[in-house]
Amino acid sequence: MNKYKQVFVNLAILTYILSAGVTTAYAMPQEYNDDKEIKRSIILKAFDSGDYKLWKTIVGEESLIIDNIGRDSFMQFVKARNLARQGKYDDALLKTNELGKRLKLDSRLSLEGSCENDELRKINEYREKIDIIKKDIERLI
């Protein structure tokens, strides 16, 4: 896979993870989707502006991802997005790969250690969704 495609795949996966699933909800009732759409829009604005506090507020303190994404990781993701938008794919690929290692991603979320059953179920749901997203993206590009 060329660098452009790899950056695209990496950023898509990281965007899904940092959005804490807010970007998907299309099979739910309309009012639920409306709420998700508003949250998705705010999350994307937080990514664009590098506003960690706004992102953390929208994703929610109870989200599993909050424990794994600190300000430094968030800012590294924002930097990678900006580098890719500027066409600096080598730098963006380096940043996304570093962030992936920090978050223990190997093309999907993989956390070490033990979890409660509910947390493990949520993590497995993320793994399945990330695998599906990656396949869809690779098919499209």
Foldseek 3Di string as FASTA:
>chain_A
DDLLLLLVLLLVLVLCVLLLNLVDDVVDDPVSVVVSVVLNVQCVVCLQVLPPVSSDVSNDPPRPCPVQDDSVLSVLSSVLVVCVVVVVSVSSSVSSVVSCVSQVHPLFGDDDDDDDPVVVVSRVVRRVVSVVSSVVSVVVD
